[in-house]
Protein backbone atom coordinates (compact mmCIF):
# COMPACT_ATOMS: atom_id res chain seq x y z
CA LEU A 1 1.07 7.25 -5.57
CA TYR A 2 -2.27 5.95 -6.83
CA ILE A 3 -3.07 2.31 -6.05
CA ASN A 4 -6.02 0.06 -6.90
CA ASP A 5 -7.14 -0.08 -3.26
CA GLY A 6 -7.91 2.58 -0.68
CA ILE A 7 -9.94 3.64 2.32
CA TRP A 8 -13.23 2.69 0.62
CA ALA A 9 -11.80 -0.75 -0.05
CA SER A 10 -9.65 -2.97 2.15
CA LEU A 11 -7.53 -0.19 3.70
CA SER A 12 -10.24 1.54 5.74
CA ASP A 13 -8.59 0.60 9.05
CA SER A 14 -5.45 2.50 8.13
CA TRP A 15 -7.49 5.66 7.68
CA THR A 16 -9.90 5.40 10.59
CA GLY A 17 -7.27 4.09 12.99
CA LYS A 18 -4.54 6.41 11.68
CA ILE A 19 -2.11 3.50 11.75
CA THR A 20 0.90 2.88 9.57
CA LEU A 21 0.88 -0.43 7.76
CA PRO A 22 4.03 -2.28 6.69
CA ALA A 23 4.54 -2.31 2.93
CA ARG A 24 6.81 -4.47 0.79
CA PHE A 25 7.78 -3.42 -2.72
CA ILE A 26 7.57 -6.16 -5.37
CA PRO A 27 9.02 -4.89 -8.66
CA ASP A 28 7.53 -5.91 -11.99
CA PRO A 29 10.25 -8.00 -13.70
CA ALA A 30 9.05 -6.75 -17.11
CA ILE A 31 10.29 -3.24 -16.29
CA ARG A 32 13.96 -3.39 -17.27
CA THR A 33 14.88 0.28 -17.07
CA ARG A 34 13.98 2.33 -14.01
CA ASN A 35 14.44 5.99 -13.18
CA GLY A 36 16.22 6.76 -9.92
CA ASP A 37 18.03 4.66 -7.34
CA GLU A 38 16.23 1.59 -5.96
CA LYS A 39 18.15 1.97 -2.69
CA ASN A 40 16.77 5.48 -2.15
CA ILE A 41 13.66 4.96 0.02
CA VAL A 42 11.25 7.90 -0.06
CA PRO A 43 7.78 8.60 1.40
CA PHE A 44 4.83 8.30 -0.97
CA LYS A 45 1.41 9.78 -0.24
CA VAL A 46 -0.92 6.92 -1.13
CA CYS A 47 -4.25 7.63 -2.82
CA GLY A 48 -7.02 5.19 -3.67
CA ALA A 49 -8.70 4.71 -7.03
CA THR A 50 -12.10 6.28 -6.23
CA CYS A 51 -11.24 9.92 -7.05
CA ASP A 52 -12.70 10.88 -3.67
CA SER A 53 -10.73 13.62 -1.90
CA VAL A 54 -10.86 11.59 1.33
CA ASP A 55 -9.42 8.43 -0.30
CA ILE A 56 -5.89 9.18 0.91
CA LEU A 57 -4.10 7.09 3.52
CA SER A 58 -3.18 9.00 6.65
CA ARG A 59 0.43 7.77 6.68
CA PRO A 60 2.97 7.55 3.85
CA PHE A 61 4.37 4.34 2.40
CA TRP A 62 8.15 4.33 2.35
CA LEU A 63 9.15 2.76 -0.96
CA PRO A 64 12.02 2.88 -3.45
CA GLU A 65 11.89 5.99 -5.62
CA THR A 66 11.92 3.64 -8.63
CA VAL A 67 8.29 2.53 -8.08
CA ASP A 68 6.46 2.39 -11.42
CA THR A 69 3.20 1.33 -13.03
CA GLY A 70 2.95 -2.46 -12.96
CA ASP A 71 4.84 -2.91 -9.69
CA TRP A 72 3.12 -4.52 -6.72
CA ILE A 73 3.00 -3.28 -3.15
CA GLU A 74 2.24 -5.92 -0.54
CA ILE A 75 0.48 -4.35 2.42
CA GLY A 76 0.81 -6.35 5.60
CA HIS A 77 -1.30 -6.66 8.71
CA ILE A 78 -4.45 -5.13 7.29
CA GLY A 79 -6.57 -7.19 9.64
CA ALA A 80 -9.62 -9.38 9.73
CA TYR A 81 -12.06 -6.62 8.77
CA SER A 82 -10.23 -5.53 5.64
CA LEU A 83 -12.55 -7.48 3.34
CA SER A 84 -15.80 -7.08 5.24
CA LEU A 85 -15.52 -3.27 5.48
CA ARG A 86 -14.91 -2.62 1.78
CA THR A 87 -17.61 -0.88 -0.19
CA ARG A 88 -18.74 -0.42 -3.81
CA PHE A 89 -18.08 3.32 -3.52
CA ASN A 90 -17.77 5.05 -6.93
CA GLY A 91 -18.18 1.70 -8.71
CA PHE A 92 -15.02 0.07 -7.37
CA PHE A 93 -15.29 -3.39 -5.88
CA PRO A 94 -12.45 -5.89 -6.12
CA ASP A 95 -13.50 -9.25 -7.45
CA THR A 96 -10.03 -10.67 -7.98
CA PHE A 97 -7.86 -11.61 -5.05
CA VAL A 98 -4.28 -12.80 -4.86
CA GLU A 99 -3.33 -15.33 -2.21
CA VAL A 100 0.12 -14.81 -0.75
CA THR A 101 1.34 -18.13 0.57
CA THR A 102 4.35 -16.80 2.44
CA PRO A 103 3.72 -14.81 5.61
CA PHE A 104 4.43 -11.09 5.68
CA ASP A 105 7.58 -10.56 7.68
CA GLU A 106 8.57 -7.01 8.51
CA GLY A 107 12.15 -8.28 8.70
CA ASP A 108 12.02 -8.70 4.90
CA ALA A 109 11.39 -5.01 4.34
CA PRO A 110 14.38 -2.68 4.00
CA GLN A 111 15.03 -0.29 6.84
CA GLY A 112 12.87 2.78 6.45
CA PHE A 113 9.77 0.93 5.26
CA ALA A 114 6.56 1.62 7.10
CA SER A 115 5.91 -0.47 10.16
CA LEU A 116 2.99 -1.04 12.49
CA GLU A 117 4.24 1.69 14.77
CA THR A 118 2.49 4.99 14.26
CA MET A 119 4.80 7.51 12.63
CA ALA A 120 4.94 11.07 13.92
CA ASP A 121 3.16 13.58 11.71
């Protein structure tokens, strides 16, 4: 799964610390027809946008198999250094941010989603 963030951006802690971050799937309401079963939660290898072979998160995100282009994935608990550690590697530097006004609550995520606990390899 390719996302517009990665280890050279605000997810560097998840790579260097080898931690698993909680993720919440937010479907794009414009996508009316989806392939698969939204209740079937599967592991996705998550890759950043830089095309660097290292820009791969060390732990999978457990998401519905129906994930598609245009959907959002909220990544919780990325920490205070997530913005200060990002780089302009390969020309990528986010200049647009989205403020989420409701707190991330792992209780909102379906069972099987990634949590802060480190998953066994």
